[in-house]
Amino acid sequence: MSHDFPQNSPAPTPSRASYGFALYLASSSGFMAYCCWALDMDNITFGKLGITYLPQVYWAVALPVHILVTLALTVFIIYPGLNLMVSRDFDEQQDFPDIAALHGPTSVPPLKNLAMTRVSRTLYLGR
């Protein structure tokens, strides 16, 4: 059964399903290995498998904490700070220059009051 989906379509295809399932198996296996490492204080399980060296169990807690603190600093402090550094001041008048308004007769006409009857006629009578 052949599907003729475009190259960049988000539609599911058999190859994407295979990659997704492989990613699911890999992440599940990695999480199970992480849990076994974090909960196996005496390295009994890994010792039976022939794995003799593992990092200290301290890093099972410290590494996720370090990652989450880095993520929080990036999201709440560094990223907004960078955006504030590259934006102009609030009282700056040159934020939106209108180049077209500076060139003679094609500029925007001056503001003036419109009669209420003309506004009502335009909005509600469709003329």
N, C-alpha and C. Protein backbone atom coordinates (compact mmCIF):
# COMPACT_ATOMS: atom_id res chain seq x y z
N MET A 1 0.84 -1.17 0.00
CA MET A 1 0.00 0.00 0.00
C MET A 1 0.89 1.24 0.00
N SER A 2 0.86 2.00 -1.05
CA SER A 2 1.72 3.17 -1.19
C SER A 2 0.93 4.44 -0.93
N HIS A 3 1.50 5.30 -0.12
CA HIS A 3 0.89 6.60 0.16
C HIS A 3 1.70 7.66 -0.57
N ASP A 4 1.04 8.59 -1.18
CA ASP A 4 1.71 9.67 -1.88
C ASP A 4 1.61 10.96 -1.08
N PHE A 5 2.19 10.97 0.12
CA PHE A 5 2.20 12.16 0.95
C PHE A 5 3.36 13.05 0.52
N PRO A 6 3.19 14.35 0.64
CA PRO A 6 4.32 15.24 0.37
C PRO A 6 5.47 14.98 1.34
N GLN A 7 6.65 15.42 0.97
CA GLN A 7 7.85 15.15 1.76
C GLN A 7 7.75 15.74 3.17
N ASN A 8 7.20 16.94 3.30
CA ASN A 8 7.17 17.61 4.60
C ASN A 8 5.84 17.48 5.30
N SER A 9 5.02 16.55 4.91
CA SER A 9 3.70 16.39 5.52
C SER A 9 3.83 15.75 6.90
N PRO A 10 3.02 16.22 7.86
CA PRO A 10 3.06 15.60 9.19
C PRO A 10 2.23 14.32 9.28
N ALA A 11 1.71 13.86 8.17
CA ALA A 11 0.87 12.67 8.18
C ALA A 11 1.70 11.44 8.59
N PRO A 12 1.08 10.51 9.31
CA PRO A 12 1.83 9.31 9.73
C PRO A 12 2.16 8.42 8.53
N THR A 13 3.37 7.94 8.54
CA THR A 13 3.83 7.01 7.50
C THR A 13 4.44 5.80 8.20
N PRO A 14 4.59 4.69 7.51
CA PRO A 14 5.18 3.50 8.15
C PRO A 14 6.59 3.74 8.68
N SER A 15 7.40 4.52 7.96
CA SER A 15 8.77 4.76 8.46
C SER A 15 8.74 5.60 9.73
N ARG A 16 7.83 6.58 9.78
CA ARG A 16 7.73 7.39 11.00
C ARG A 16 7.22 6.54 12.16
N ALA A 17 6.33 5.62 11.89
CA ALA A 17 5.84 4.74 12.94
C ALA A 17 6.98 3.87 13.47
N SER A 18 7.83 3.38 12.59
CA SER A 18 8.97 2.54 13.00
C SER A 18 9.94 3.35 13.85
N TYR A 19 10.26 4.57 13.40
CA TYR A 19 11.16 5.43 14.17
C TYR A 19 10.55 5.78 15.52
N GLY A 20 9.28 6.05 15.56
CA GLY A 20 8.60 6.38 16.81
C GLY A 20 8.62 5.21 17.77
N PHE A 21 8.38 4.02 17.27
CA PHE A 21 8.40 2.84 18.14
C PHE A 21 9.80 2.57 18.65
N ALA A 22 10.82 2.73 17.80
CA ALA A 22 12.20 2.54 18.24
C ALA A 22 12.57 3.57 19.30
N LEU A 23 12.13 4.82 19.12
CA LEU A 23 12.40 5.85 20.10
C LEU A 23 11.69 5.55 21.41
N TYR A 24 10.48 5.05 21.33
CA TYR A 24 9.72 4.67 22.53
C TYR A 24 10.46 3.55 23.28
N LEU A 25 10.91 2.53 22.56
CA LEU A 25 11.64 1.43 23.22
C LEU A 25 12.94 1.91 23.84
N ALA A 26 13.68 2.77 23.12
CA ALA A 26 14.95 3.26 23.64
C ALA A 26 14.74 4.12 24.89
N SER A 27 13.76 5.01 24.86
CA SER A 27 13.54 5.88 26.01
C SER A 27 13.01 5.08 27.20
N SER A 28 12.15 4.10 26.95
CA SER A 28 11.66 3.26 28.04
C SER A 28 12.79 2.44 28.66
N SER A 29 13.64 1.89 27.81
CA SER A 29 14.78 1.11 28.32
C SER A 29 15.74 2.00 29.10
N GLY A 30 16.01 3.17 28.60
CA GLY A 30 16.88 4.11 29.30
C GLY A 30 16.31 4.52 30.65
N PHE A 31 15.00 4.77 30.70
CA PHE A 31 14.38 5.14 31.96
C PHE A 31 14.41 3.99 32.96
N MET A 32 14.19 2.78 32.47
CA MET A 32 14.26 1.61 33.36
C MET A 32 15.68 1.43 33.90
N ALA A 33 16.70 1.60 33.04
CA ALA A 33 18.08 1.48 33.50
C ALA A 33 18.41 2.57 34.51
N TYR A 34 17.91 3.79 34.28
CA TYR A 34 18.11 4.89 35.23
C TYR A 34 17.47 4.57 36.57
N CYS A 35 16.24 4.06 36.56
CA CYS A 35 15.56 3.71 37.81
C CYS A 35 16.29 2.58 38.54
N CYS A 36 16.77 1.57 37.82
CA CYS A 36 17.53 0.48 38.45
C CYS A 36 18.81 1.01 39.07
N TRP A 37 19.50 1.92 38.37
CA TRP A 37 20.74 2.50 38.89
C TRP A 37 20.46 3.35 40.12
N ALA A 38 19.35 4.14 40.07
CA ALA A 38 19.06 5.03 41.18
C ALA A 38 18.58 4.28 42.41
N LEU A 39 17.86 3.18 42.24
CA LEU A 39 17.29 2.46 43.37
C LEU A 39 18.16 1.32 43.88
N ASP A 40 19.13 0.87 43.10
CA ASP A 40 20.00 -0.23 43.48
C ASP A 40 21.21 0.33 44.22
N MET A 41 21.09 0.48 45.54
CA MET A 41 22.13 1.15 46.32
C MET A 41 23.44 0.36 46.37
N ASP A 42 23.37 -0.95 46.37
CA ASP A 42 24.58 -1.77 46.51
C ASP A 42 25.09 -2.32 45.19
N ASN A 43 24.53 -1.88 44.07
CA ASN A 43 24.93 -2.33 42.73
C ASN A 43 24.83 -3.84 42.57
N ILE A 44 23.84 -4.45 43.18
CA ILE A 44 23.66 -5.90 43.10
C ILE A 44 23.20 -6.30 41.70
N THR A 45 22.21 -5.59 41.17
CA THR A 45 21.65 -5.94 39.86
C THR A 45 22.70 -5.80 38.77
N PHE A 46 23.41 -4.68 38.76
CA PHE A 46 24.41 -4.46 37.72
C PHE A 46 25.64 -5.34 37.93
N GLY A 47 25.94 -5.70 39.18
CA GLY A 47 27.06 -6.61 39.45
C GLY A 47 26.82 -7.98 38.85
N LYS A 48 25.55 -8.43 38.86
CA LYS A 48 25.22 -9.72 38.25
C LYS A 48 25.34 -9.66 36.73
N LEU A 49 25.17 -8.48 36.17
CA LEU A 49 25.29 -8.33 34.72
C LEU A 49 26.73 -8.11 34.28
N GLY A 50 27.65 -7.97 35.23
CA GLY A 50 29.05 -7.77 34.88
C GLY A 50 29.45 -6.31 34.80
N ILE A 51 28.55 -5.41 35.16
CA ILE A 51 28.87 -3.98 35.14
C ILE A 51 29.37 -3.64 36.54
N THR A 52 30.66 -3.33 36.64
CA THR A 52 31.24 -3.13 37.96
C THR A 52 31.40 -1.66 38.33
N TYR A 53 31.49 -0.79 37.39
CA TYR A 53 31.68 0.62 37.71
C TYR A 53 30.44 1.41 37.31
N LEU A 54 29.89 2.13 38.26
CA LEU A 54 28.79 3.05 38.00
C LEU A 54 29.06 4.33 38.77
N PRO A 55 28.57 5.45 38.31
CA PRO A 55 28.72 6.68 39.10
C PRO A 55 27.97 6.54 40.42
N GLN A 56 28.30 7.41 41.36
CA GLN A 56 27.64 7.38 42.67
C GLN A 56 26.15 7.64 42.49
N VAL A 57 25.37 7.09 43.41
CA VAL A 57 23.92 7.24 43.37
C VAL A 57 23.54 8.71 43.61
N TYR A 58 24.42 9.47 44.22
CA TYR A 58 24.21 10.90 44.41
C TYR A 58 23.86 11.57 43.08
N TRP A 59 24.51 11.15 42.01
CA TRP A 59 24.29 11.77 40.70
C TRP A 59 22.94 11.40 40.10
N ALA A 60 22.29 10.37 40.62
CA ALA A 60 20.95 10.03 40.15
C ALA A 60 19.95 11.11 40.52
N VAL A 61 20.23 11.81 41.62
CA VAL A 61 19.38 12.93 42.03
C VAL A 61 19.97 14.24 41.56
N ALA A 62 21.29 14.39 41.65
CA ALA A 62 21.93 15.67 41.37
C ALA A 62 21.84 16.04 39.88
N LEU A 63 21.99 15.09 39.00
CA LEU A 63 21.98 15.41 37.57
C LEU A 63 20.63 15.95 37.09
N PRO A 64 19.49 15.32 37.44
CA PRO A 64 18.21 15.93 37.05
C PRO A 64 17.98 17.29 37.69
N VAL A 65 18.44 17.48 38.92
CA VAL A 65 18.29 18.78 39.57
C VAL A 65 19.11 19.84 38.84
N HIS A 66 20.33 19.51 38.47
CA HIS A 66 21.16 20.45 37.72
C HIS A 66 20.53 20.79 36.37
N ILE A 67 19.99 19.82 35.70
CA ILE A 67 19.34 20.06 34.41
C ILE A 67 18.12 20.96 34.57
N LEU A 68 17.30 20.69 35.60
CA LEU A 68 16.09 21.50 35.81
C LEU A 68 16.42 22.92 36.24
N VAL A 69 17.45 23.10 37.06
CA VAL A 69 17.85 24.45 37.46
C VAL A 69 18.38 25.23 36.26
N THR A 70 19.16 24.58 35.42
CA THR A 70 19.66 25.23 34.21
C THR A 70 18.51 25.61 33.29
N LEU A 71 17.55 24.72 33.12
CA LEU A 71 16.38 25.01 32.29
C LEU A 71 15.58 26.18 32.86
N ALA A 72 15.37 26.18 34.18
CA ALA A 72 14.60 27.27 34.81
C ALA A 72 15.33 28.60 34.67
N LEU A 73 16.64 28.61 34.88
CA LEU A 73 17.40 29.85 34.71
C LEU A 73 17.32 30.35 33.28
N THR A 74 17.41 29.44 32.33
CA THR A 74 17.35 29.84 30.94
C THR A 74 15.98 30.41 30.59
N VAL A 75 14.92 29.73 31.01
CA VAL A 75 13.57 30.13 30.61
C VAL A 75 13.13 31.40 31.32
N PHE A 76 13.45 31.54 32.61
CA PHE A 76 12.90 32.65 33.38
C PHE A 76 13.83 33.83 33.55
N ILE A 77 15.13 33.66 33.33
CA ILE A 77 16.06 34.77 33.55
C ILE A 77 16.87 35.10 32.29
N ILE A 78 17.55 34.13 31.73
CA ILE A 78 18.46 34.42 30.62
C ILE A 78 17.71 34.83 29.35
N TYR A 79 16.71 34.07 28.95
CA TYR A 79 15.97 34.37 27.72
C TYR A 79 15.24 35.71 27.80
N PRO A 80 14.48 36.01 28.87
CA PRO A 80 13.87 37.34 28.95
C PRO A 80 14.91 38.45 29.05
N GLY A 81 16.03 38.20 29.73
CA GLY A 81 17.08 39.21 29.81
C GLY A 81 17.68 39.52 28.46
N LEU A 82 17.91 38.50 27.65
CA LEU A 82 18.42 38.74 26.29
C LEU A 82 17.42 39.52 25.45
N ASN A 83 16.13 39.21 25.60
CA ASN A 83 15.12 39.95 24.86
C ASN A 83 15.06 41.41 25.30
N LEU A 84 15.21 41.67 26.59
CA LEU A 84 15.22 43.05 27.06
C LEU A 84 16.46 43.80 26.60
N MET A 85 17.58 43.10 26.48
CA MET A 85 18.80 43.76 26.02
C MET A 85 18.70 44.21 24.58
N VAL A 86 18.03 43.46 23.73
CA VAL A 86 17.96 43.81 22.31
C VAL A 86 16.76 44.68 21.96
N SER A 87 15.84 44.89 22.90
CA SER A 87 14.69 45.75 22.60
C SER A 87 15.01 47.19 22.98
N ARG A 88 14.30 48.12 22.36
CA ARG A 88 14.52 49.53 22.64
C ARG A 88 13.80 49.95 23.91
N ASP A 89 14.16 51.13 24.41
CA ASP A 89 13.51 51.66 25.60
C ASP A 89 12.04 51.95 25.33
N PHE A 90 11.26 51.99 26.40
CA PHE A 90 9.83 52.23 26.26
C PHE A 90 9.53 53.65 25.78
N ASP A 91 10.37 54.60 26.14
CA ASP A 91 10.12 55.98 25.73
C ASP A 91 10.77 56.35 24.40
N GLU A 92 11.34 55.40 23.72
CA GLU A 92 11.97 55.65 22.42
C GLU A 92 10.89 55.92 21.37
N GLN A 93 11.07 56.97 20.60
CA GLN A 93 10.07 57.38 19.61
C GLN A 93 10.35 56.78 18.23
N GLN A 94 11.46 56.18 18.03
CA GLN A 94 11.84 55.69 16.71
C GLN A 94 11.59 54.19 16.52
N ASP A 95 10.64 53.66 17.23
CA ASP A 95 10.39 52.23 17.12
C ASP A 95 9.84 51.83 15.77
N PHE A 96 8.90 52.62 15.25
CA PHE A 96 8.25 52.27 13.99
C PHE A 96 8.36 53.44 13.02
N PRO A 97 9.48 53.59 12.35
CA PRO A 97 9.60 54.72 11.42
C PRO A 97 8.70 54.51 10.20
N ASP A 98 8.06 55.58 9.78
CA ASP A 98 7.19 55.52 8.62
C ASP A 98 7.87 56.27 7.49
N ILE A 99 8.62 55.55 6.69
CA ILE A 99 9.39 56.16 5.62
C ILE A 99 8.46 56.74 4.55
N ALA A 100 7.38 56.06 4.27
CA ALA A 100 6.47 56.50 3.20
C ALA A 100 5.80 57.83 3.54
N ALA A 101 5.58 58.12 4.80
CA ALA A 101 4.92 59.37 5.18
C ALA A 101 5.82 60.58 5.01
N LEU A 102 7.10 60.36 4.84
CA LEU A 102 8.04 61.48 4.72
C LEU A 102 8.23 61.96 3.29
N HIS A 103 7.62 61.33 2.31
CA HIS A 103 7.91 61.63 0.91
C HIS A 103 6.76 62.34 0.21
N GLY A 104 6.44 63.53 0.59
CA GLY A 104 5.57 64.42 -0.16
C GLY A 104 4.10 64.07 -0.25
N PRO A 105 3.50 64.25 -1.45
CA PRO A 105 2.05 64.22 -1.60
C PRO A 105 1.42 62.84 -1.39
N THR A 106 2.22 61.77 -1.37
CA THR A 106 1.63 60.45 -1.16
C THR A 106 1.53 60.12 0.33
N SER A 107 1.81 61.12 1.18
CA SER A 107 1.79 60.85 2.61
C SER A 107 0.35 60.72 3.12
N VAL A 108 0.20 60.34 4.34
CA VAL A 108 -1.10 60.15 4.97
C VAL A 108 -1.73 61.52 5.19
N PRO A 109 -3.01 61.70 4.84
CA PRO A 109 -3.65 63.00 5.05
C PRO A 109 -3.78 63.31 6.54
N PRO A 110 -3.87 64.59 6.89
CA PRO A 110 -3.98 64.95 8.31
C PRO A 110 -5.29 64.46 8.91
N LEU A 111 -5.28 64.28 10.22
CA LEU A 111 -6.48 63.82 10.91
C LEU A 111 -7.53 64.92 10.94
N LYS A 112 -8.79 64.53 10.85
CA LYS A 112 -9.88 65.48 10.97
C LYS A 112 -11.10 64.73 11.49
N ASN A 113 -12.03 65.45 12.05
CA ASN A 113 -13.25 64.85 12.57
C ASN A 113 -14.20 64.53 11.42
N LEU A 114 -14.89 63.42 11.53
CA LEU A 114 -15.90 63.04 10.54
C LEU A 114 -17.27 63.28 11.14
N ALA A 115 -18.19 63.64 10.26
CA ALA A 115 -19.56 63.84 10.73
C ALA A 115 -20.16 62.51 11.14
N MET A 116 -20.95 62.51 12.21
CA MET A 116 -21.54 61.28 12.72
C MET A 116 -22.49 60.66 11.71
N THR A 117 -23.17 61.48 10.93
CA THR A 117 -24.08 60.93 9.91
C THR A 117 -23.31 60.18 8.84
N ARG A 118 -22.15 60.70 8.47
CA ARG A 118 -21.34 60.00 7.46
C ARG A 118 -20.82 58.66 7.99
N VAL A 119 -20.41 58.65 9.26
CA VAL A 119 -19.93 57.41 9.87
C VAL A 119 -21.05 56.39 9.94
N SER A 120 -22.22 56.82 10.39
CA SER A 120 -23.37 55.90 10.49
C SER A 120 -23.77 55.37 9.13
N ARG A 121 -23.80 56.25 8.13
CA ARG A 121 -24.16 55.84 6.78
C ARG A 121 -23.16 54.79 6.24
N THR A 122 -21.88 55.03 6.48
CA THR A 122 -20.84 54.12 5.97
C THR A 122 -20.89 52.77 6.69
N LEU A 123 -21.07 52.81 7.99
CA LEU A 123 -21.04 51.57 8.76
C LEU A 123 -22.33 50.75 8.61
N TYR A 124 -23.48 51.42 8.66
CA TYR A 124 -24.72 50.69 8.81
C TYR A 124 -25.59 50.62 7.55
N LEU A 125 -25.39 51.56 6.62
CA LEU A 125 -26.22 51.53 5.40
C LEU A 125 -25.47 50.92 4.22
N GLY A 126 -24.18 50.70 4.36
CA GLY A 126 -23.42 50.04 3.33
C GLY A 126 -23.18 50.89 2.08
N ARG A 127 -23.24 52.18 2.18
CA ARG A 127 -22.99 53.05 1.01
C ARG A 127 -21.55 53.43 0.93
